[in-house]
Amino acid sequence: MPIVLTRIDFRMIHGQVITQWVKRCDANEIIAVDTSLSKDVFMQEVFKMAAPKGVNIKIMDVDKAIKAQLDGKFEHRKVLLLFKTVQQLYEAVQKGLELKDVQVGGLGGGPDRKPVNNAITLNQEDADWLIEIENKGIEVYLQTTPDYPSMKLEDAVKKL
């Protein structure tokens, strides 16, 4: 299972992912998992144009991502697995996606969200899903960029 990084980032494929995380992880494929985006052909093309040379981008829904892993589609690639929301990651884990760890990179803002680390905000619902993911033996940590220190989920939840 050569997933080199699993990241939750509501902006999906953007500057930090392309210029920093792909390089840091030596990824040669980004698999963006988002149900809405998997149905939006125009936005898929926009994201694919953002890919650096030598990095393949695939966009799929949760079920297709799980099937791809089960079928060994990640085996010969260095995959950066990217989720738009905690909810979709939680759904994937519940349905059998196997992961070692998860990096929370950005979840957006909103009235019920509290800043917990640099530019990362959490609400109680996302925190509960992340705790359940961690209870399955998957390490969850928060980190915006490679240069910024990571934070354990339990430390972030204390700030809610």
Foldseek 3Di string as FASTA:
>chain_A
DQAQAEEAAQVWQDDQCQPFVCVVSVFQEEEEEDPVVQPDPVVVVVSQVSHDPRHYYHYYYLVVVLVCVVVCVCVPGNYHYYYNALVRVLVSVVVPDDDQEYEYAENDDDDQWDDQFDRHTDHVVSLVSVVVVVVVNYFYWYDHGPVGDIGGSVSSVVVD
